[in-house]
Structure formats: structure tokens, C-alpha cells
């Protein structure tokens, strides 16, 4: 016969077992939900938009291959939540990428030097672990990278005009900093993804086909040369040391929270302020425009599915600079009289264009059209967030702007 005390004890054990079972079931359901979200994201599914933009230039970069493929991982376990170090994660593209990973259930550590373009406000409301430091500092890297399974390197000096003024910082960050990160990845057996640029391919003729990943590197500026140096270090570490590393090369990226020295935010904010829009030369240079969300989607796909030793282009929609200027005038309501053609940048490349079919083969498909919503959405963001960019356009920025444009606009 079971005594009353024993019956109570049994009931408590049963209750505890049931609670543990329910908690475990909830954990399993949450993990399954995260994987489902991630599969949808990697397959190019976006509930807000129904697919490519028919009839638009650039809409043929992706196909439906892989959209319903449940095995969208290149390596075992990559669909499970990861701990990732995002260097340069307080910058424009890096902060958007951090947001994306956190929304997928990944744990993210950020290492950022917080130079002029790094802004912790870009990460407000995002659950992350922040470390201030330089990627060229091995101790700072070791502290920030403890326990991570992958490093995604956005940290870089990136502006061509600044590289012409002073190239040394570009070499220190883009080449030496990359080497320090690769050393850590090598020592700890983790993946390294290097975020690079289409500018490493250099100037291509107007009638040439877009560059594939096998195109020769012909960097034209100290900036693109420093990025090419970092890319080559990545590929050398794969071949020499067997490091699990790869490279993405993105087109001109646009969207919210971009530092206003770059072409689009500079012209958009100048238009709102009634300041001149300084167009280099005749303005017939051609660039591909890639929305930051599409760029981050491509980087994440390469991180999870890309093969070591490979390069993946992430392209956009090609437009002439003056066509973009006219669209900015239309969207901001600014006067065409603000446009000023100024002395061209030394060594200015005429055209960049890349072929993204290799990344599309992994399932990447851009969701934002530059002409149908992308640029307009970006202009609206700067219109509604003057409190973000107006404080930036003072102090150090103003000194840079005066040095760069005052003589040209005189």
C-alpha cells in the first residue's frame, strides 16, 4: 500500500517531468521555427514581396533554383543558430547584417573601432555583444571572437576620395587587419567571410560583359587596391593553411543609415539642405546599385552555403550617375540648379559591373528594385530622419567636405 506522503512525492515528480517535457517541446518548436524562417530567407522568400520585378533591368540575376530546396546548407549544422563575430558591425552594411542575424536567432558579437563612419546608434534595439577595438589588434580580436563559429569582416576603410587623401590607413585596416582576423580563424578552426567590393575588378569598357569572379583584379585606387590585398590574403590562407574562408564582392550599396560622404546620401541630404550636388566630370560614370537588405541576404547565403576558397559577386542594377542625380532631384523636389559639374576624381573608373549568377545558383534573388521603390524608400528615410544625419554633417565631416569640395565648387 502506498502511503499518502509517497503519493504526493510521486505527483510532484510527475508534475516536474511534465513541465520539463513541455519546456523541451517549446524549445524544439522554437528551434524549428527559427530554421523555417532561415530556410525561407535563404530561399529568397519574402512575405512582403512576391518575387522579382518583371520587365525591369537586372531582374534576371536570380532564378527559382533552390527556392523549395529543404537542404540549403553547404556544411552540416549551418542552419542551426551560430555565434558570429561581425567586425565593422556599427557601420552601414555591417549593422544591417547584425540585425539580420539576430532576427534569425544567431548570437552576435560586434567588434568596431568606431571611427567616423561607425555609429552605435545603428544598433539601437538590437541584442548583441559590443566590443570597441581595431581588427589589426590581435588582442582585441581574441577578446571579441571568443567562442564564435564564424567571423564576417565588414571592418574597412572604404571611401575612394579619402584613400586618395591618405592611403596608409586603408592598407593597415584592409590588409593587415584582414591578416589578423585570418590568423585567428586559422588558430581556432572557424569560418572567415571577407566582405569586399566590385571595385577590385577596376574600370571595364562600356560594351564589356559584366565581370565574373574569374575576372582579373585591376584595382585603380588606393582603396580598391587595399581591398584587393585583403581578398588575396583570404585566398592565400585557404590554399596555404587550409583556412575555411571565402570572399563576397558587392556593388554600390544603398539604403538607410549610410554615412553621408557616399554618393547617394551626400546628394540626398544636400538636396534637402539646398546645397550644391557636386557631380564629378560629365557624370556619365556607370555603377550598379544594390539595396543593403539584398546585399546582406547575399552575404548571409555565402556564409552559410558558400564554399571555402570561392568568391561570390553580389550585383545590382546598373545606372548612369546623371540618371541617378535626376531621380534624386525628382524625389526630393530640389532645383536642378543645385547640380554642379566639378573637377573629376583622379583615376576615376568609368564603369563597374558584375555577374552574380554564381551566387544566384545558391538561391540568392534580390527583392528590391532601385527604380521601383528602392531609391524612393531611401530618400524617404533621410527625409524622416534628419535627426540622424544632421549632427553628422558637422565637425569632422564638415572639415572633410570642405577639403574635398570647396575648391571644386568655388
Protein backbone atom coordinates (compact mmCIF):
# COMPACT_ATOMS: atom_id res chain seq x y z
CA UNK A 1 0.00 0.00 0.00
CA UNK A 2 1.34 3.46 -0.96
CA UNK A 3 1.43 5.97 1.87
CA UNK A 4 -0.08 9.49 1.38
CA UNK A 5 3.35 11.12 1.57
CA UNK A 6 4.65 8.85 -1.15
CA UNK A 7 1.66 9.68 -3.36
CA UNK A 8 2.34 13.39 -3.01
CA UNK A 9 6.01 12.87 -3.87
CA UNK A 10 5.07 10.87 -6.95
CA UNK A 11 2.63 13.57 -8.06
CA UNK A 12 5.34 16.21 -7.68
CA UNK A 13 7.77 14.16 -9.75
CA UNK A 14 5.12 13.68 -12.44
CA UNK A 15 4.33 17.40 -12.47
CA UNK A 16 8.01 18.26 -12.74
CA UNK A 17 8.51 15.75 -15.57
CA UNK A 18 5.51 17.18 -17.41
CA UNK A 19 6.79 20.75 -17.05
CA UNK A 20 10.23 19.69 -18.32
CA UNK A 21 8.62 17.89 -21.25
CA UNK A 22 6.54 20.96 -22.15
CA UNK A 23 9.62 23.22 -21.85
CA UNK A 24 11.64 20.90 -24.08
CA UNK A 25 8.81 20.78 -26.62
CA UNK A 26 8.68 24.58 -26.64
CA UNK A 27 12.44 24.71 -27.25
CA UNK A 28 12.13 22.26 -30.15
CA UNK A 29 9.26 24.24 -31.67
CA UNK A 30 11.24 27.49 -31.35
CA UNK A 31 14.30 25.93 -33.00
CA UNK A 32 12.12 24.55 -35.80
CA UNK A 33 10.52 27.97 -36.28
CA UNK A 34 13.94 29.63 -36.49
CA UNK A 35 15.11 27.10 -39.07
CA UNK A 36 11.92 27.61 -41.08
CA UNK A 37 12.50 31.38 -41.07
CA UNK A 38 16.09 30.87 -42.11
CA UNK A 39 15.18 28.45 -44.90
CA UNK A 40 12.63 30.95 -46.20
CA UNK A 41 15.20 33.73 -46.07
CA UNK A 42 17.91 31.72 -47.81
CA UNK A 43 15.48 30.53 -50.48
CA UNK A 44 14.58 34.12 -51.29
CA UNK A 45 11.07 34.00 -49.86
CA UNK A 46 9.83 37.39 -48.70
CA UNK A 47 6.30 37.64 -47.40
CA UNK A 48 6.19 41.34 -48.18
CA UNK A 49 7.03 40.93 -51.85
CA UNK A 50 6.12 38.23 -54.30
CA UNK A 51 9.30 37.79 -56.31
CA UNK A 52 11.35 39.63 -58.92
CA UNK A 53 10.24 42.75 -60.69
CA UNK A 54 9.12 41.63 -64.18
CA UNK A 55 10.46 43.54 -67.13
CA UNK A 56 13.00 45.53 -65.13
CA UNK A 57 16.64 45.77 -66.00
CA UNK A 58 18.57 43.48 -63.69
CA UNK A 59 15.61 41.26 -62.73
CA UNK A 60 17.18 38.23 -64.38
CA UNK A 61 20.03 37.84 -61.92
CA UNK A 62 18.33 35.08 -59.99
CA UNK A 63 16.18 32.07 -60.81
CA UNK A 64 13.89 29.82 -58.82
CA UNK A 65 16.51 27.14 -58.31
CA UNK A 66 16.60 26.18 -54.69
CA UNK A 67 13.52 28.15 -53.59
CA UNK A 68 11.84 24.93 -52.38
CA UNK A 69 15.01 23.01 -51.58
CA UNK A 70 14.99 21.95 -47.91
CA UNK A 71 18.74 21.25 -47.93
CA UNK A 72 20.02 24.79 -48.18
CA UNK A 73 23.17 24.24 -46.17
CA UNK A 74 26.62 23.53 -47.53
CA UNK A 75 28.03 22.18 -44.28
CA UNK A 76 26.40 20.09 -41.57
CA UNK A 77 24.87 22.24 -38.86
CA UNK A 78 24.95 25.62 -40.59
CA UNK A 79 21.18 26.01 -40.27
CA UNK A 80 21.46 25.89 -36.51
CA UNK A 81 21.87 29.20 -34.69
CA UNK A 82 25.51 30.30 -34.64
CA UNK A 83 27.65 32.67 -32.64
CA UNK A 84 29.17 35.11 -35.13
CA UNK A 85 31.68 37.94 -34.81
CA UNK A 86 30.73 40.81 -37.10
CA UNK A 87 33.62 43.25 -37.46
CA UNK A 88 32.65 46.77 -38.51
CA UNK A 89 29.18 45.92 -37.21
CA UNK A 90 28.35 49.52 -36.24
CA UNK A 91 28.73 50.72 -39.81
CA UNK A 92 26.19 50.97 -42.60
CA UNK A 93 26.11 47.46 -44.08
CA UNK A 94 27.53 45.75 -41.00
CA UNK A 95 24.77 46.97 -38.69
CA UNK A 96 22.10 45.82 -41.14
CA UNK A 97 23.77 42.41 -41.23
CA UNK A 98 23.83 42.23 -37.43
CA UNK A 99 20.10 42.95 -37.35
CA UNK A 100 19.51 40.20 -39.88
CA UNK A 101 21.45 37.57 -37.94
CA UNK A 102 19.83 38.45 -34.63
CA UNK A 103 16.38 38.18 -36.21
CA UNK A 104 17.35 34.66 -37.36
CA UNK A 105 18.22 33.63 -33.80
CA UNK A 106 22.01 33.85 -34.06
CA UNK A 107 24.18 35.24 -31.28
CA UNK A 108 26.26 38.18 -32.47
CA UNK A 109 29.37 39.84 -31.12
CA UNK A 110 30.39 43.13 -32.75
CA UNK A 111 33.94 44.49 -32.96
CA UNK A 112 34.09 48.06 -34.21
CA UNK A 113 36.76 50.74 -33.91
CA UNK A 114 34.05 53.44 -34.02
CA UNK A 115 35.87 55.63 -36.48
CA UNK A 116 33.92 58.47 -38.10
CA UNK A 117 31.64 56.04 -40.01
CA UNK A 118 30.89 53.74 -37.06
CA UNK A 119 27.80 54.67 -35.08
CA UNK A 120 26.40 52.68 -32.16
CA UNK A 121 23.02 54.28 -32.79
CA UNK A 122 22.83 52.00 -35.84
CA UNK A 123 22.47 49.07 -33.42
CA UNK A 124 19.89 50.51 -31.05
CA UNK A 125 17.33 47.91 -30.04
CA UNK A 126 19.45 45.02 -31.38
CA UNK A 127 20.53 42.29 -28.96
CA UNK A 128 24.29 41.98 -29.38
CA UNK A 129 27.58 41.98 -27.50
CA UNK A 130 29.69 45.04 -28.32
CA UNK A 131 33.49 45.37 -28.24
CA UNK A 132 35.27 48.54 -29.26
CA UNK A 133 38.58 47.82 -30.91
CA UNK A 134 40.70 47.56 -34.05
CA UNK A 135 40.81 44.43 -36.22
CA UNK A 136 44.56 45.00 -36.59
CA UNK A 137 44.89 44.46 -32.81
CA UNK A 138 45.20 40.71 -32.19
CA UNK A 139 44.29 41.03 -28.50
CA UNK A 140 41.10 42.96 -29.30
CA UNK A 141 40.16 40.34 -31.89
CA UNK A 142 40.78 37.49 -29.43
CA UNK A 143 38.55 39.08 -26.79
CA UNK A 144 35.70 39.77 -29.19
CA UNK A 145 35.91 36.45 -31.05
CA UNK A 146 35.93 34.15 -28.04
CA UNK A 147 33.58 31.26 -28.67
CA UNK A 148 32.46 32.30 -32.17
CA UNK A 149 31.94 29.87 -35.03
CA UNK A 150 32.46 32.41 -37.81
CA UNK A 151 33.84 35.88 -38.50
CA UNK A 152 32.25 38.19 -41.05
CA UNK A 153 34.57 41.09 -41.81
CA UNK A 154 32.93 44.39 -42.75
CA UNK A 155 35.61 46.46 -40.99
CA UNK A 156 37.38 48.54 -43.62
CA UNK A 157 38.35 51.98 -44.74
CA UNK A 158 36.01 52.29 -47.71
CA UNK A 159 35.83 55.73 -49.32
CA UNK A 160 37.83 56.26 -52.50
CA UNK A 161 38.24 60.02 -52.00
CA UNK A 162 39.65 59.53 -48.50
CA UNK A 163 42.05 56.86 -49.81
CA UNK A 164 43.41 59.37 -52.31
CA UNK A 165 43.97 61.87 -49.50
CA UNK A 166 45.75 59.34 -47.27
CA UNK A 167 46.18 55.68 -48.27
CA UNK A 168 48.16 54.43 -45.24
CA UNK A 169 45.10 53.81 -43.01
CA UNK A 170 43.49 51.80 -45.79
CA UNK A 171 46.43 49.43 -46.03
CA UNK A 172 46.63 49.00 -42.24
CA UNK A 173 42.94 48.14 -41.88
CA UNK A 174 42.08 46.43 -45.15
CA UNK A 175 45.23 44.31 -45.48
CA UNK A 176 46.89 43.97 -42.07
CA UNK A 177 43.54 43.85 -40.24
CA UNK A 178 42.33 41.09 -42.56
CA UNK A 179 45.51 39.12 -41.90
CA UNK A 180 44.98 39.35 -38.12
CA UNK A 181 41.43 38.04 -38.48
CA UNK A 182 42.61 35.21 -40.72
CA UNK A 183 45.24 34.22 -38.17
CA UNK A 184 42.53 33.92 -35.53
CA UNK A 185 40.31 31.87 -37.85
CA UNK A 186 43.24 29.60 -38.65
CA UNK A 187 44.16 29.06 -35.00
CA UNK A 188 40.58 28.28 -33.94
CA UNK A 189 39.32 26.40 -36.99
CA UNK A 190 36.42 28.76 -37.74
CA UNK A 191 35.00 30.25 -40.93
CA UNK A 192 36.04 33.70 -42.19
CA UNK A 193 33.95 35.62 -44.71
CA UNK A 194 35.56 38.69 -46.24
CA UNK A 195 33.16 41.39 -47.45
CA UNK A 196 34.80 43.07 -50.43
CA UNK A 197 33.86 45.25 -53.39
CA UNK A 198 33.29 45.10 -57.14
CA UNK A 199 35.84 47.89 -57.45
CA UNK A 200 38.72 45.38 -57.28
CA UNK A 201 37.94 44.47 -60.91
CA UNK A 202 38.72 48.03 -61.93
CA UNK A 203 37.37 50.01 -64.86
CA UNK A 204 35.63 47.94 -67.55
CA UNK A 205 34.63 49.09 -71.05
CA UNK A 206 31.06 50.27 -71.56
CA UNK A 207 30.40 47.44 -74.04
CA UNK A 208 32.05 44.70 -71.95
CA UNK A 209 30.18 41.85 -70.31
CA UNK A 210 29.85 42.06 -66.50
CA UNK A 211 32.82 40.66 -64.58
CA UNK A 212 32.62 37.11 -63.31
CA UNK A 213 34.55 36.02 -60.24
CA UNK A 214 37.37 34.82 -62.51
CA UNK A 215 37.96 38.30 -63.97
CA UNK A 216 41.44 39.70 -63.27
CA UNK A 217 41.93 42.12 -60.39
CA UNK A 218 42.82 45.56 -61.76
CA UNK A 219 42.32 47.92 -58.85
CA UNK A 220 42.51 51.61 -59.75
CA UNK A 221 42.51 53.48 -56.42
CA UNK A 222 44.34 53.07 -53.12
CA UNK A 223 41.01 51.95 -51.66
CA UNK A 224 40.29 49.20 -54.18
CA UNK A 225 43.96 48.13 -54.11
CA UNK A 226 43.79 47.72 -50.33
CA UNK A 227 40.59 45.68 -50.60
CA UNK A 228 42.18 43.54 -53.30
CA UNK A 229 45.11 42.97 -50.96
CA UNK A 230 42.74 41.70 -48.28
CA UNK A 231 40.98 39.43 -50.79
CA UNK A 232 44.27 37.92 -51.88
CA UNK A 233 45.25 37.25 -48.26
CA UNK A 234 41.99 35.33 -47.81
CA UNK A 235 42.59 33.16 -50.86
CA UNK A 236 46.23 32.62 -49.89
CA UNK A 237 45.25 31.45 -46.38
CA UNK A 238 42.83 28.95 -47.92
CA UNK A 239 45.45 27.50 -50.23
CA UNK A 240 48.42 27.62 -47.85
CA UNK A 241 46.86 26.86 -44.47
CA UNK A 242 43.51 25.28 -45.38
CA UNK A 243 41.54 28.04 -43.65
CA UNK A 244 37.77 27.89 -44.17
CA UNK A 245 37.46 31.31 -45.79
CA UNK A 246 35.71 32.96 -48.72
CA UNK A 247 35.01 36.38 -50.26
CA UNK A 248 31.94 38.32 -51.39
CA UNK A 249 32.27 41.31 -53.74
CA UNK A 250 29.35 43.69 -53.60
CA UNK A 251 28.20 46.52 -55.85
CA UNK A 252 27.45 50.10 -54.74
CA UNK A 253 25.15 49.59 -51.77
CA UNK A 254 22.40 51.99 -50.72
CA UNK A 255 19.77 52.30 -48.01
CA UNK A 256 19.14 53.76 -44.57
CA UNK A 257 21.95 54.79 -42.17
CA UNK A 258 24.68 55.26 -44.77
CA UNK A 259 27.34 57.79 -43.84
CA UNK A 260 26.69 60.94 -45.89
CA UNK A 261 30.08 61.13 -47.58
CA UNK A 262 28.93 58.49 -50.10
CA UNK A 263 27.25 59.45 -53.37
CA UNK A 264 23.58 58.77 -52.61
CA UNK A 265 23.29 60.05 -49.03
CA UNK A 266 25.52 63.02 -49.89
CA UNK A 267 23.32 64.11 -52.77
CA UNK A 268 20.05 63.31 -50.96
CA UNK A 269 20.94 65.28 -47.84
CA UNK A 270 22.49 68.15 -49.83
CA UNK A 271 19.28 68.37 -51.85
CA UNK A 272 17.23 68.63 -48.65
CA UNK A 273 19.55 71.37 -47.39
CA UNK A 274 19.57 73.29 -50.67
CA UNK A 275 23.31 72.72 -51.13
CA UNK A 276 25.13 72.01 -54.38
CA UNK A 277 25.25 68.48 -55.77
CA UNK A 278 28.91 68.11 -56.88
CA UNK A 279 28.93 65.78 -59.91
CA UNK A 280 32.39 64.51 -60.87
CA UNK A 281 33.25 65.22 -64.51
CA UNK A 282 30.45 64.67 -67.02
CA UNK A 283 28.51 62.36 -64.67
CA UNK A 284 28.39 59.54 -67.22
CA UNK A 285 30.08 57.03 -64.93
CA UNK A 286 28.06 53.84 -64.54
CA UNK A 287 27.54 51.90 -61.31
CA UNK A 288 25.39 49.01 -60.13
CA UNK A 289 23.06 49.83 -57.24
CA UNK A 290 22.35 47.15 -54.64
CA UNK A 291 19.91 47.57 -51.75
CA UNK A 292 21.54 46.93 -48.37
CA UNK A 293 18.97 44.26 -47.47
CA UNK A 294 19.71 42.35 -50.69
CA UNK A 295 23.44 42.72 -50.11
CA UNK A 296 23.13 41.31 -46.59
CA UNK A 297 20.98 38.44 -47.86
CA UNK A 298 23.73 37.54 -50.32
CA UNK A 299 26.43 37.70 -47.66
CA UNK A 300 24.43 35.52 -45.28
CA UNK A 301 23.80 32.97 -48.02
CA UNK A 302 27.52 32.82 -48.83
CA UNK A 303 28.33 32.50 -45.12
CA UNK A 304 26.02 29.52 -44.69
CA UNK A 305 26.32 27.83 -48.09
CA UNK A 306 29.42 29.16 -49.82
CA UNK A 307 32.50 27.04 -50.42
CA UNK A 308 35.92 27.83 -48.98
CA UNK A 309 38.30 29.43 -51.44
CA UNK A 310 35.48 30.84 -53.54
CA UNK A 311 34.49 34.39 -54.46
CA UNK A 312 30.83 35.40 -54.88
CA UNK A 313 29.75 38.57 -56.69
CA UNK A 314 26.71 40.43 -55.32
CA UNK A 315 25.48 42.76 -58.04
CA UNK A 316 22.74 45.32 -58.51
CA UNK A 317 21.06 47.33 -61.26
CA UNK A 318 23.35 49.38 -63.49
CA UNK A 319 22.61 53.08 -63.91
CA UNK A 320 24.45 56.19 -65.15
CA UNK A 321 25.29 58.67 -62.40
CA UNK A 322 23.45 61.57 -64.03
CA UNK A 323 20.30 59.46 -64.32
CA UNK A 324 20.53 58.84 -60.58
CA UNK A 325 21.04 62.57 -59.92
CA UNK A 326 17.91 63.42 -61.90
CA UNK A 327 15.91 60.84 -59.91
CA UNK A 328 17.14 62.38 -56.64
CA UNK A 329 16.04 65.81 -57.80
CA UNK A 330 12.59 64.44 -58.65
CA UNK A 331 12.19 62.62 -55.33
CA UNK A 332 13.43 65.47 -53.15
CA UNK A 333 11.80 68.29 -55.11
CA UNK A 334 15.15 70.08 -55.30
CA UNK A 335 16.06 72.53 -58.05
CA UNK A 336 18.21 71.31 -60.98
CA UNK A 337 20.22 74.50 -60.43
CA UNK A 338 21.86 72.75 -57.45
CA UNK A 339 23.76 70.42 -59.80
CA UNK A 340 27.38 71.47 -60.32
CA UNK A 341 29.81 69.56 -62.54
CA UNK A 342 33.18 69.68 -60.79
CA UNK A 343 36.74 68.51 -61.48
CA UNK A 344 36.81 64.74 -61.75
CA UNK A 345 38.36 62.42 -59.18
CA UNK A 346 41.93 61.33 -60.09
CA UNK A 347 41.87 57.92 -61.78
CA UNK A 348 38.08 57.80 -61.68
CA UNK A 349 36.75 54.48 -63.02
CA UNK A 350 34.13 54.81 -65.71
CA UNK A 351 32.15 51.64 -65.13
CA UNK A 352 31.74 48.72 -62.73
CA UNK A 353 29.51 45.74 -63.45
CA UNK A 354 29.48 42.20 -62.07
CA UNK A 355 27.82 38.91 -62.92
CA UNK A 356 26.01 37.47 -59.87
CA UNK A 357 24.92 34.17 -61.42
CA UNK A 358 27.24 32.15 -59.17
CA UNK A 359 25.53 33.47 -56.02
CA UNK A 360 22.13 33.12 -57.70
CA UNK A 361 22.98 29.44 -58.14
CA UNK A 362 22.99 29.17 -54.35
CA UNK A 363 19.48 30.63 -54.23
CA UNK A 364 20.09 34.39 -53.96
CA UNK A 365 17.45 36.61 -55.54
CA UNK A 366 17.31 40.37 -54.89
CA UNK A 367 13.98 41.70 -53.66
CA UNK A 368 14.42 45.47 -54.04
CA UNK A 369 14.25 47.40 -57.29
CA UNK A 370 16.31 50.58 -57.50
CA UNK A 371 13.75 52.25 -59.78
CA UNK A 372 10.54 50.85 -58.28
CA UNK A 373 10.71 51.66 -54.61
CA UNK A 374 14.32 51.18 -53.57
CA UNK A 375 15.64 54.68 -54.17
CA UNK A 376 12.35 56.30 -53.17
CA UNK A 377 12.31 54.38 -49.87
CA UNK A 378 15.87 55.53 -49.18
CA UNK A 379 15.09 59.18 -49.91
CA UNK A 380 12.07 58.95 -47.61
CA UNK A 381 14.23 57.56 -44.79
CA UNK A 382 16.63 60.52 -44.97
CA UNK A 383 13.69 62.91 -45.18
CA UNK A 384 12.22 61.44 -41.98
CA UNK A 385 15.48 61.02 -40.05
CA UNK A 386 17.18 64.37 -40.19
CA UNK A 387 17.97 63.86 -36.51
CA UNK A 388 20.28 61.01 -37.57
CA UNK A 389 22.27 62.73 -40.32
CA UNK A 390 22.22 66.44 -39.45
CA UNK A 391 24.54 66.05 -36.40
CA UNK A 392 26.93 64.00 -38.57
CA UNK A 393 27.26 66.77 -41.17
CA UNK A 394 29.24 68.97 -38.82
CA UNK A 395 32.63 68.82 -37.11
CA UNK A 396 34.97 66.27 -38.72
CA UNK A 397 32.60 65.67 -41.62
CA UNK A 398 32.44 69.37 -42.47
CA UNK A 399 36.22 69.62 -42.42
CA UNK A 400 36.47 66.68 -44.80
CA UNK A 401 33.74 68.08 -47.06
CA UNK A 402 35.42 71.48 -47.29
CA UNK A 403 38.77 69.88 -48.09
CA UNK A 404 37.24 67.67 -50.73
CA UNK A 405 34.77 70.03 -52.44
CA UNK A 406 35.38 73.69 -51.51
CA UNK A 407 37.94 74.33 -54.27
CA UNK A 408 35.91 72.34 -56.80
CA UNK A 409 32.75 74.30 -56.06
CA UNK A 410 34.46 77.72 -55.93
